[in-house]
Amino acid sequence: MRTPFVVGNWKLHKTINEAVAMVTELKNQVAAVKGVNVGVAPVFTALASVAKRLDDSAIAVVGQDCFWETKGAWTGEVSAAHLADAGATWAIVGHSERR
């Protein structure tokens, strides 16, 4: 049986400082949660800072989208390699707002 995975997609909310403050609080609140994986999907600009704050945590950092090309002339897109470089380990793919 698979472990449930609950992710909070922050859409276009939270500055970097607000995002770090929120995950600091969230980290303490979900520390004792068992039997479910937890993740957060902050805006792309906050990914690295959030990932750094959650480095010693079980909370996953998730990209809000992922483009299929590794590099190239794709203005505004973010590749899997860029997400991983920023600290994300998962990505939301195929969200209705991006299709």
PDB file of N, CA and C in Angstrom:
ATOM      1  N   MET A   1       0.840  -1.186   0.000  1.00  0.00           N
ATOM      2  CA  MET A   1       0.000   0.000   0.000  1.00  0.00           C
ATOM      3  C   MET A   1       0.881   1.244   0.000  1.00  0.00           C
ATOM      4  N   ARG A   2       0.502   2.234  -0.795  1.00  0.00           N
ATOM      5  CA  ARG A   2       1.277   3.465  -0.876  1.00  0.00           C
ATOM      6  C   ARG A   2       0.978   4.403   0.294  1.00  0.00           C
ATOM      7  N   THR A   3       1.980   5.181   0.647  1.00  0.00           N
ATOM      8  CA  THR A   3       1.820   6.185   1.694  1.00  0.00           C
ATOM      9  C   THR A   3       1.165   7.425   1.088  1.00  0.00           C
ATOM     10  N   PRO A   4       0.113   7.971   1.701  1.00  0.00           N
ATOM     11  CA  PRO A   4      -0.501   9.198   1.182  1.00  0.00           C
ATOM     12  C   PRO A   4       0.514  10.344   1.157  1.00  0.00           C
ATOM     13  N   PHE A   5       0.384  11.210   0.168  1.00  0.00           N
ATOM     14  CA  PHE A   5       1.280  12.353  -0.009  1.00  0.00           C
ATOM     15  C   PHE A   5       0.423  13.602  -0.107  1.00  0.00           C
ATOM     16  N   VAL A   6       0.514  14.480   0.881  1.00  0.00           N
ATOM     17  CA  VAL A   6      -0.281  15.700   0.928  1.00  0.00           C
ATOM     18  C   VAL A   6       0.645  16.884   0.677  1.00  0.00           C
ATOM     19  N   VAL A   7       0.302  17.680  -0.334  1.00  0.00           N
ATOM     20  CA  VAL A   7       1.135  18.833  -0.714  1.00  0.00           C
ATOM     21  C   VAL A   7       0.292  20.094  -0.696  1.00  0.00           C
ATOM     22  N   GLY A   8       0.827  21.115  -0.062  1.00  0.00           N
ATOM     23  CA  GLY A   8       0.197  22.427  -0.098  1.00  0.00           C
ATOM     24  C   GLY A   8       0.783  23.225  -1.246  1.00  0.00           C
ATOM     25  N   ASN A   9      -0.031  23.505  -2.259  1.00  0.00           N
ATOM     26  CA  ASN A   9       0.394  24.311  -3.401  1.00  0.00           C
ATOM     27  C   ASN A   9       0.084  25.768  -3.086  1.00  0.00           C
ATOM     28  N   TRP A  10       1.107  26.568  -2.958  1.00  0.00           N
ATOM     29  CA  TRP A  10       0.936  27.944  -2.515  1.00  0.00           C
ATOM     30  C   TRP A  10       0.533  28.909  -3.609  1.00  0.00           C
ATOM     31  N   LYS A  11       0.416  28.400  -4.829  1.00  0.00           N
ATOM     32  CA  LYS A  11       0.028  29.251  -5.968  1.00  0.00           C
ATOM     33  C   LYS A  11       0.983  30.442  -6.053  1.00  0.00           C
ATOM     34  N   LEU A  12       0.443  31.649  -6.172  1.00  0.00           N
ATOM     35  CA  LEU A  12       1.276  32.848  -6.284  1.00  0.00           C
ATOM     36  C   LEU A  12       1.199  33.658  -4.986  1.00  0.00           C
ATOM     37  N   HIS A  13       1.423  32.952  -3.875  1.00  0.00           N
ATOM     38  CA  HIS A  13       1.367  33.576  -2.549  1.00  0.00           C
ATOM     39  C   HIS A  13       2.719  33.419  -1.856  1.00  0.00           C
ATOM     40  N   LYS A  14       3.037  34.340  -1.014  1.00  0.00           N
ATOM     41  CA  LYS A  14       4.205  34.348  -0.119  1.00  0.00           C
ATOM     42  C   LYS A  14       5.476  34.862  -0.801  1.00  0.00           C
ATOM     43  N   THR A  15       6.070  35.859  -0.169  1.00  0.00           N
ATOM     44  CA  THR A  15       7.407  36.293  -0.545  1.00  0.00           C
ATOM     45  C   THR A  15       8.392  35.257   0.003  1.00  0.00           C
ATOM     46  N   ILE A  16       9.658  35.407  -0.290  1.00  0.00           N
ATOM     47  CA  ILE A  16      10.655  34.470   0.231  1.00  0.00           C
ATOM     48  C   ILE A  16      10.644  34.473   1.757  1.00  0.00           C
ATOM     49  N   ASN A  17      10.670  35.644   2.360  1.00  0.00           N
ATOM     50  CA  ASN A  17      10.672  35.728   3.827  1.00  0.00           C
ATOM     51  C   ASN A  17       9.402  35.140   4.430  1.00  0.00           C
ATOM     52  N   GLU A  18       8.256  35.418   3.828  1.00  0.00           N
ATOM     53  CA  GLU A  18       7.000  34.860   4.321  1.00  0.00           C
ATOM     54  C   GLU A  18       6.988  33.335   4.188  1.00  0.00           C
ATOM     55  N   ALA A  19       7.544  32.830   3.089  1.00  0.00           N
ATOM     56  CA  ALA A  19       7.591  31.388   2.854  1.00  0.00           C
ATOM     57  C   ALA A  19       8.469  30.684   3.887  1.00  0.00           C
ATOM     58  N   VAL A  20       9.616  31.248   4.174  1.00  0.00           N
ATOM     59  CA  VAL A  20      10.519  30.658   5.164  1.00  0.00           C
ATOM     60  C   VAL A  20       9.874  30.675   6.541  1.00  0.00           C
ATOM     61  N   ALA A  21       9.214  31.764   6.885  1.00  0.00           N
ATOM     62  CA  ALA A  21       8.518  31.835   8.177  1.00  0.00           C
ATOM     63  C   ALA A  21       7.413  30.785   8.253  1.00  0.00           C
ATOM     64  N   MET A  22       6.685  30.602   7.171  1.00  0.00           N
ATOM     65  CA  MET A  22       5.588  29.637   7.178  1.00  0.00           C
ATOM     66  C   MET A  22       6.096  28.211   7.325  1.00  0.00           C
ATOM     67  N   VAL A  23       7.171  27.844   6.612  1.00  0.00           N
ATOM     68  CA  VAL A  23       7.656  26.466   6.735  1.00  0.00           C
ATOM     69  C   VAL A  23       8.332  26.223   8.079  1.00  0.00           C
ATOM     70  N   THR A  24       8.850  27.260   8.690  1.00  0.00           N
ATOM     71  CA  THR A  24       9.413  27.116  10.028  1.00  0.00           C
ATOM     72  C   THR A  24       8.310  26.713  10.995  1.00  0.00           C
ATOM     73  N   GLU A  25       7.180  27.367  10.890  1.00  0.00           N
ATOM     74  CA  GLU A  25       6.027  27.047  11.736  1.00  0.00           C
ATOM     75  C   GLU A  25       5.453  25.671  11.371  1.00  0.00           C
ATOM     76  N   LEU A  26       5.324  25.402  10.082  1.00  0.00           N
ATOM     77  CA  LEU A  26       4.779  24.126   9.617  1.00  0.00           C
ATOM     78  C   LEU A  26       5.649  22.950  10.052  1.00  0.00           C
ATOM     79  N   LYS A  27       6.947  23.141   9.977  1.00  0.00           N
ATOM     80  CA  LYS A  27       7.897  22.091  10.374  1.00  0.00           C
ATOM     81  C   LYS A  27       7.630  21.634  11.804  1.00  0.00           C
ATOM     82  N   ASN A  28       7.396  22.572  12.687  1.00  0.00           N
ATOM     83  CA  ASN A  28       7.112  22.242  14.085  1.00  0.00           C
ATOM     84  C   ASN A  28       5.739  21.575  14.242  1.00  0.00           C
ATOM     85  N   GLN A  29       4.779  22.004  13.446  1.00  0.00           N
ATOM     86  CA  GLN A  29       3.417  21.487  13.577  1.00  0.00           C
ATOM     87  C   GLN A  29       3.268  20.061  13.054  1.00  0.00           C
ATOM     88  N   VAL A  30       4.020  19.684  12.037  1.00  0.00           N
ATOM     89  CA  VAL A  30       3.839  18.348  11.440  1.00  0.00           C
ATOM     90  C   VAL A  30       4.936  17.362  11.842  1.00  0.00           C
ATOM     91  N   ALA A  31       5.801  17.754  12.743  1.00  0.00           N
ATOM     92  CA  ALA A  31       6.922  16.895  13.141  1.00  0.00           C
ATOM     93  C   ALA A  31       6.466  15.531  13.645  1.00  0.00           C
ATOM     94  N   ALA A  32       5.339  15.472  14.320  1.00  0.00           N
ATOM     95  CA  ALA A  32       4.874  14.212  14.909  1.00  0.00           C
ATOM     96  C   ALA A  32       3.905  13.441  14.004  1.00  0.00           C
ATOM     97  N   VAL A  33       3.608  13.966  12.825  1.00  0.00           N
ATOM     98  CA  VAL A  33       2.666  13.304  11.914  1.00  0.00           C
ATOM     99  C   VAL A  33       3.305  12.035  11.361  1.00  0.00           C
ATOM    100  N   LYS A  34       2.585  10.938  11.435  1.00  0.00           N
ATOM    101  CA  LYS A  34       3.078   9.643  10.942  1.00  0.00           C
ATOM    102  C   LYS A  34       2.111   9.092   9.901  1.00  0.00           C
ATOM    103  N   GLY A  35       2.609   8.292   8.987  1.00  0.00           N
ATOM    104  CA  GLY A  35       1.765   7.605   8.022  1.00  0.00           C
ATOM    105  C   GLY A  35       1.344   8.427   6.824  1.00  0.00           C
ATOM    106  N   VAL A  36       1.904   9.615   6.688  1.00  0.00           N
ATOM    107  CA  VAL A  36       1.614  10.468   5.537  1.00  0.00           C
ATOM    108  C   VAL A  36       2.855  11.288   5.207  1.00  0.00           C
ATOM    109  N   ASN A  37       3.154  11.418   3.924  1.00  0.00           N
ATOM    110  CA  ASN A  37       4.243  12.291   3.495  1.00  0.00           C
ATOM    111  C   ASN A  37       3.673  13.682   3.262  1.00  0.00           C
ATOM    112  N   VAL A  38       4.420  14.700   3.654  1.00  0.00           N
ATOM    113  CA  VAL A  38       3.964  16.082   3.564  1.00  0.00           C
ATOM    114  C   VAL A  38       4.921  16.856   2.661  1.00  0.00           C
ATOM    115  N   GLY A  39       4.366  17.738   1.835  1.00  0.00           N
ATOM    116  CA  GLY A  39       5.185  18.575   0.971  1.00  0.00           C
ATOM    117  C   GLY A  39       4.609  19.962   0.846  1.00  0.00           C
ATOM    118  N   VAL A  40       5.454  20.893   0.418  1.00  0.00           N
ATOM    119  CA  VAL A  40       5.029  22.264   0.154  1.00  0.00           C
ATOM    120  C   VAL A  40       5.511  22.652  -1.238  1.00  0.00           C
ATOM    121  N   ALA A  41       4.683  23.400  -1.942  1.00  0.00           N
ATOM    122  CA  ALA A  41       5.016  23.868  -3.284  1.00  0.00           C
ATOM    123  C   ALA A  41       4.977  25.391  -3.309  1.00  0.00           C
ATOM    124  N   PRO A  42       6.071  26.023  -2.880  1.00  0.00           N
ATOM    125  CA  PRO A  42       6.115  27.483  -2.872  1.00  0.00           C
ATOM    126  C   PRO A  42       6.348  28.035  -4.286  1.00  0.00           C
ATOM    127  N   VAL A  43       6.258  29.343  -4.416  1.00  0.00           N
ATOM    128  CA  VAL A  43       6.586  29.970  -5.697  1.00  0.00           C
ATOM    129  C   VAL A  43       8.042  29.656  -6.042  1.00  0.00           C
ATOM    130  N   PHE A  44       8.363  29.649  -7.327  1.00  0.00           N
ATOM    131  CA  PHE A  44       9.701  29.276  -7.769  1.00  0.00           C
ATOM    132  C   PHE A  44      10.805  30.106  -7.118  1.00  0.00           C
ATOM    133  N   THR A  45      10.550  31.395  -6.902  1.00  0.00           N
ATOM    134  CA  THR A  45      11.586  32.258  -6.328  1.00  0.00           C
ATOM    135  C   THR A  45      11.926  31.899  -4.887  1.00  0.00           C
ATOM    136  N   ALA A  46      11.041  31.183  -4.201  1.00  0.00           N
ATOM    137  CA  ALA A  46      11.277  30.811  -2.805  1.00  0.00           C
ATOM    138  C   ALA A  46      11.773  29.378  -2.641  1.00  0.00           C
ATOM    139  N   LEU A  47      11.863  28.605  -3.713  1.00  0.00           N
ATOM    140  CA  LEU A  47      12.229  27.192  -3.601  1.00  0.00           C
ATOM    141  C   LEU A  47      13.535  26.963  -2.842  1.00  0.00           C
ATOM    142  N   ALA A  48      14.595  27.629  -3.233  1.00  0.00           N
ATOM    143  CA  ALA A  48      15.906  27.382  -2.617  1.00  0.00           C
ATOM    144  C   ALA A  48      15.906  27.743  -1.133  1.00  0.00           C
ATOM    145  N   SER A  49      15.304  28.863  -0.783  1.00  0.00           N
ATOM    146  CA  SER A  49      15.260  29.280   0.627  1.00  0.00           C
ATOM    147  C   SER A  49      14.417  28.331   1.464  1.00  0.00           C
ATOM    148  N   VAL A  50      13.292  27.901   0.923  1.00  0.00           N
ATOM    149  CA  VAL A  50      12.433  26.959   1.634  1.00  0.00           C
ATOM    150  C   VAL A  50      13.144  25.619   1.791  1.00  0.00           C
ATOM    151  N   ALA A  51      13.786  25.155   0.717  1.00  0.00           N
ATOM    152  CA  ALA A  51      14.518  23.881   0.778  1.00  0.00           C
ATOM    153  C   ALA A  51      15.623  23.930   1.828  1.00  0.00           C
ATOM    154  N   LYS A  52      16.323  25.048   1.897  1.00  0.00           N
ATOM    155  CA  LYS A  52      17.394  25.197   2.898  1.00  0.00           C
ATOM    156  C   LYS A  52      16.811  25.127   4.309  1.00  0.00           C
ATOM    157  N   ARG A  53      15.682  25.772   4.526  1.00  0.00           N
ATOM    158  CA  ARG A  53      15.061  25.772   5.862  1.00  0.00           C
ATOM    159  C   ARG A  53      14.548  24.388   6.240  1.00  0.00           C
ATOM    160  N   LEU A  54      14.127  23.600   5.244  1.00  0.00           N
ATOM    161  CA  LEU A  54      13.572  22.275   5.506  1.00  0.00           C
ATOM    162  C   LEU A  54      14.603  21.167   5.350  1.00  0.00           C
ATOM    163  N   ASP A  55      15.861  21.520   5.242  1.00  0.00           N
ATOM    164  CA  ASP A  55      16.933  20.558   4.986  1.00  0.00           C
ATOM    165  C   ASP A  55      16.942  19.387   5.967  1.00  0.00           C
ATOM    166  N   ASP A  56      16.663  19.623   7.219  1.00  0.00           N
ATOM    167  CA  ASP A  56      16.683  18.562   8.236  1.00  0.00           C
ATOM    168  C   ASP A  56      15.266  18.115   8.594  1.00  0.00           C
ATOM    169  N   SER A  57      14.379  18.198   7.631  1.00  0.00           N
ATOM    170  CA  SER A  57      12.967  17.909   7.855  1.00  0.00           C
ATOM    171  C   SER A  57      12.488  16.828   6.895  1.00  0.00           C
ATOM    172  N   ALA A  58      11.395  16.187   7.246  1.00  0.00           N
ATOM    173  CA  ALA A  58      10.775  15.195   6.357  1.00  0.00           C
ATOM    174  C   ALA A  58       9.834  15.853   5.355  1.00  0.00           C
ATOM    175  N   ILE A  59       9.638  17.156   5.432  1.00  0.00           N
ATOM    176  CA  ILE A  59       8.749  17.855   4.514  1.00  0.00           C
ATOM    177  C   ILE A  59       9.431  17.995   3.159  1.00  0.00           C
ATOM    178  N   ALA A  60       8.764  17.534   2.106  1.00  0.00           N
ATOM    179  CA  ALA A  60       9.302  17.605   0.749  1.00  0.00           C
ATOM    180  C   ALA A  60       9.086  18.995   0.160  1.00  0.00           C
ATOM    181  N   VAL A  61      10.019  19.405  -0.675  1.00  0.00           N
ATOM    182  CA  VAL A  61       9.892  20.657  -1.413  1.00  0.00           C
ATOM    183  C   VAL A  61       9.501  20.291  -2.845  1.00  0.00           C
ATOM    184  N   VAL A  62       8.449  20.936  -3.329  1.00  0.00           N
ATOM    185  CA  VAL A  62       7.826  20.560  -4.595  1.00  0.00           C
ATOM    186  C   VAL A  62       7.769  21.764  -5.534  1.00  0.00           C
ATOM    187  N   GLY A  63       8.146  21.562  -6.788  1.00  0.00           N
ATOM    188  CA  GLY A  63       7.987  22.603  -7.800  1.00  0.00           C
ATOM    189  C   GLY A  63       6.546  22.669  -8.252  1.00  0.00           C
ATOM    190  N   GLN A  64       6.049  23.864  -8.541  1.00  0.00           N
ATOM    191  CA  GLN A  64       4.661  24.019  -8.969  1.00  0.00           C
ATOM    192  C   GLN A  64       4.434  23.598 -10.417  1.00  0.00           C
ATOM    193  N   ASP A  65       5.479  23.390 -11.166  1.00  0.00           N
ATOM    194  CA  ASP A  65       5.386  22.929 -12.544  1.00  0.00           C
ATOM    195  C   ASP A  65       6.764  22.455 -12.957  1.00  0.00           C
ATOM    196  N   CYS A  66       6.830  21.757 -14.062  1.00  0.00           N
ATOM    197  CA  CYS A  66       8.112  21.276 -14.558  1.00  0.00           C
ATOM    198  C   CYS A  66       8.025  21.180 -16.080  1.00  0.00           C
ATOM    199  N   PHE A  67       8.956  21.804 -16.759  1.00  0.00           N
ATOM    200  CA  PHE A  67       8.986  21.772 -18.217  1.00  0.00           C
ATOM    201  C   PHE A  67       9.790  20.574 -18.694  1.00  0.00           C
ATOM    202  N   TRP A  68       9.388  19.972 -19.801  1.00  0.00           N
ATOM    203  CA  TRP A  68       9.994  18.724 -20.262  1.00  0.00           C
ATOM    204  C   TRP A  68      11.372  18.884 -20.890  1.00  0.00           C
ATOM    205  N   GLU A  69      11.745  20.073 -21.326  1.00  0.00           N
ATOM    206  CA  GLU A  69      13.078  20.290 -21.904  1.00  0.00           C
ATOM    207  C   GLU A  69      14.085  20.616 -20.800  1.00  0.00           C
ATOM    208  N   THR A  70      15.310  20.189 -20.985  1.00  0.00           N
ATOM    209  CA  THR A  70      16.361  20.450 -20.006  1.00  0.00           C
ATOM    210  C   THR A  70      16.858  21.885 -20.066  1.00  0.00           C
ATOM    211  N   LYS A  71      16.968  22.407 -21.286  1.00  0.00           N
ATOM    212  CA  LYS A  71      17.422  23.793 -21.476  1.00  0.00           C
ATOM    213  C   LYS A  71      16.988  24.257 -22.853  1.00  0.00           C
ATOM    214  N   GLY A  72      17.137  25.536 -23.093  1.00  0.00           N
ATOM    215  CA  GLY A  72      16.783  26.078 -24.400  1.00  0.00           C
ATOM    216  C   GLY A  72      16.036  27.388 -24.284  1.00  0.00           C
ATOM    217  N   ALA A  73      15.492  27.822 -25.399  1.00  0.00           N
ATOM    218  CA  ALA A  73      14.794  29.110 -25.488  1.00  0.00           C
ATOM    219  C   ALA A  73      13.334  28.934 -25.066  1.00  0.00           C
ATOM    220  N   TRP A  74      13.144  28.708 -23.796  1.00  0.00           N
ATOM    221  CA  TRP A  74      11.811  28.475 -23.232  1.00  0.00           C
ATOM    222  C   TRP A  74      11.557  29.478 -22.109  1.00  0.00           C
ATOM    223  N   THR A  75      11.373  30.719 -22.472  1.00  0.00           N
ATOM    224  CA  THR A  75      11.202  31.793 -21.502  1.00  0.00           C
ATOM    225  C   THR A  75      10.084  31.491 -20.509  1.00  0.00           C
ATOM    226  N   GLY A  76      10.406  31.605 -19.234  1.00  0.00           N
ATOM    227  CA  GLY A  76       9.423  31.428 -18.180  1.00  0.00           C
ATOM    228  C   GLY A  76       9.232  29.999 -17.711  1.00  0.00           C
ATOM    229  N   GLU A  77       9.873  29.045 -18.365  1.00  0.00           N
ATOM    230  CA  GLU A  77       9.730  27.644 -17.964  1.00  0.00           C
ATOM    231  C   GLU A  77      10.822  27.250 -16.984  1.00  0.00           C
ATOM    232  N   VAL A  78      10.617  26.161 -16.255  1.00  0.00           N
ATOM    233  CA  VAL A  78      11.577  25.661 -15.273  1.00  0.00           C
ATOM    234  C   VAL A  78      11.760  24.166 -15.510  1.00  0.00           C
ATOM    235  N   SER A  79      13.004  23.743 -15.717  1.00  0.00           N
ATOM    236  CA  SER A  79      13.284  22.331 -15.987  1.00  0.00           C
ATOM    237  C   SER A  79      13.402  21.532 -14.692  1.00  0.00           C
ATOM    238  N   ALA A  80      13.356  20.219 -14.834  1.00  0.00           N
ATOM    239  CA  ALA A  80      13.536  19.335 -13.676  1.00  0.00           C
ATOM    240  C   ALA A  80      14.904  19.551 -13.046  1.00  0.00           C
ATOM    241  N   ALA A  81      15.916  19.757 -13.875  1.00  0.00           N
ATOM    242  CA  ALA A  81      17.265  19.996 -13.357  1.00  0.00           C
ATOM    243  C   ALA A  81      17.326  21.277 -12.532  1.00  0.00           C
ATOM    244  N   HIS A  82      16.631  22.316 -12.979  1.00  0.00           N
ATOM    245  CA  HIS A  82      16.608  23.568 -12.212  1.00  0.00           C
ATOM    246  C   HIS A  82      15.862  23.395 -10.889  1.00  0.00           C
ATOM    247  N   LEU A  83      14.771  22.648 -10.927  1.00  0.00           N
ATOM    248  CA  LEU A  83      14.031  22.392  -9.689  1.00  0.00           C
ATOM    249  C   LEU A  83      14.900  21.639  -8.685  1.00  0.00           C
ATOM    250  N   ALA A  84      15.575  20.602  -9.158  1.00  0.00           N
ATOM    251  CA  ALA A  84      16.452  19.820  -8.278  1.00  0.00           C
ATOM    252  C   ALA A  84      17.584  20.681  -7.742  1.00  0.00           C
ATOM    253  N   ASP A  85      18.137  21.534  -8.589  1.00  0.00           N
ATOM    254  CA  ASP A  85      19.226  22.413  -8.166  1.00  0.00           C
ATOM    255  C   ASP A  85      18.770  23.369  -7.059  1.00  0.00           C
ATOM    256  N   ALA A  86      17.496  23.752  -7.089  1.00  0.00           N
ATOM    257  CA  ALA A  86      16.946  24.649  -6.063  1.00  0.00           C
ATOM    258  C   ALA A  86      16.520  23.901  -4.801  1.00  0.00           C
ATOM    259  N   GLY A  87      16.541  22.557  -4.846  1.00  0.00           N
ATOM    260  CA  GLY A  87      16.214  21.778  -3.654  1.00  0.00           C
ATOM    261  C   GLY A  87      14.900  21.027  -3.712  1.00  0.00           C
ATOM    262  N   ALA A  88      14.191  21.099  -4.825  1.00  0.00           N
ATOM    263  CA  ALA A  88      12.920  20.377  -4.951  1.00  0.00           C
ATOM    264  C   ALA A  88      13.178  18.906  -5.254  1.00  0.00           C
ATOM    265  N   THR A  89      12.342  18.050  -4.711  1.00  0.00           N
ATOM    266  CA  THR A  89      12.456  16.619  -4.976  1.00  0.00           C
ATOM    267  C   THR A  89      11.238  16.079  -5.711  1.00  0.00           C
ATOM    268  N   TRP A  90      10.209  16.890  -5.849  1.00  0.00           N
ATOM    269  CA  TRP A  90       8.994  16.522  -6.557  1.00  0.00           C
ATOM    270  C   TRP A  90       8.540  17.716  -7.392  1.00  0.00           C
ATOM    271  N   ALA A  91       7.601  17.474  -8.306  1.00  0.00           N
ATOM    272  CA  ALA A  91       6.995  18.558  -9.092  1.00  0.00           C
ATOM    273  C   ALA A  91       5.542  18.220  -9.377  1.00  0.00           C
ATOM    274  N   ILE A  92       4.724  19.251  -9.432  1.00  0.00           N
ATOM    275  CA  ILE A  92       3.336  19.104  -9.869  1.00  0.00           C
ATOM    276  C   ILE A  92       3.350  19.209 -11.391  1.00  0.00           C
ATOM    277  N   VAL A  93       2.866  18.174 -12.046  1.00  0.00           N
ATOM    278  CA  VAL A  93       2.874  18.139 -13.507  1.00  0.00           C
ATOM    279  C   VAL A  93       1.447  18.013 -14.013  1.00  0.00           C
ATOM    280  N   GLY A  94       1.082  18.814 -14.994  1.00  0.00           N
ATOM    281  CA  GLY A  94      -0.233  18.723 -15.593  1.00  0.00           C
ATOM    282  C   GLY A  94      -1.335  19.444 -14.842  1.00  0.00           C
ATOM    283  N   HIS A  95      -0.987  20.393 -13.992  1.00  0.00           N
ATOM    284  CA  HIS A  95      -2.007  21.150 -13.262  1.00  0.00           C
ATOM    285  C   HIS A  95      -2.904  21.880 -14.263  1.00  0.00           C
ATOM    286  N   SER A  96      -4.173  21.929 -13.971  1.00  0.00           N
ATOM    287  CA  SER A  96      -5.138  22.529 -14.903  1.00  0.00           C
ATOM    288  C   SER A  96      -4.838  23.991 -15.216  1.00  0.00           C
ATOM    289  N   GLU A  97      -4.229  24.713 -14.291  1.00  0.00           N
ATOM    290  CA  GLU A  97      -3.913  26.121 -14.542  1.00  0.00           C
ATOM    291  C   GLU A  97      -2.739  26.282 -15.485  1.00  0.00           C
ATOM    292  N   ARG A  98      -1.965  25.226 -15.721  1.00  0.00           N
ATOM    293  CA  ARG A  98      -0.813  25.291 -16.618  1.00  0.00           C
ATOM    294  C   ARG A  98      -1.086  24.652 -17.976  1.00  0.00           C
ATOM    295  N   ARG A  99      -2.202  23.974 -18.111  1.00  0.00           N
ATOM    296  CA  ARG A  99      -2.515  23.313 -19.395  1.00  0.00           C
ATOM    297  C   ARG A  99      -3.232  24.248 -20.327  1.00  0.00           C
TER     298      ARG A  99
END
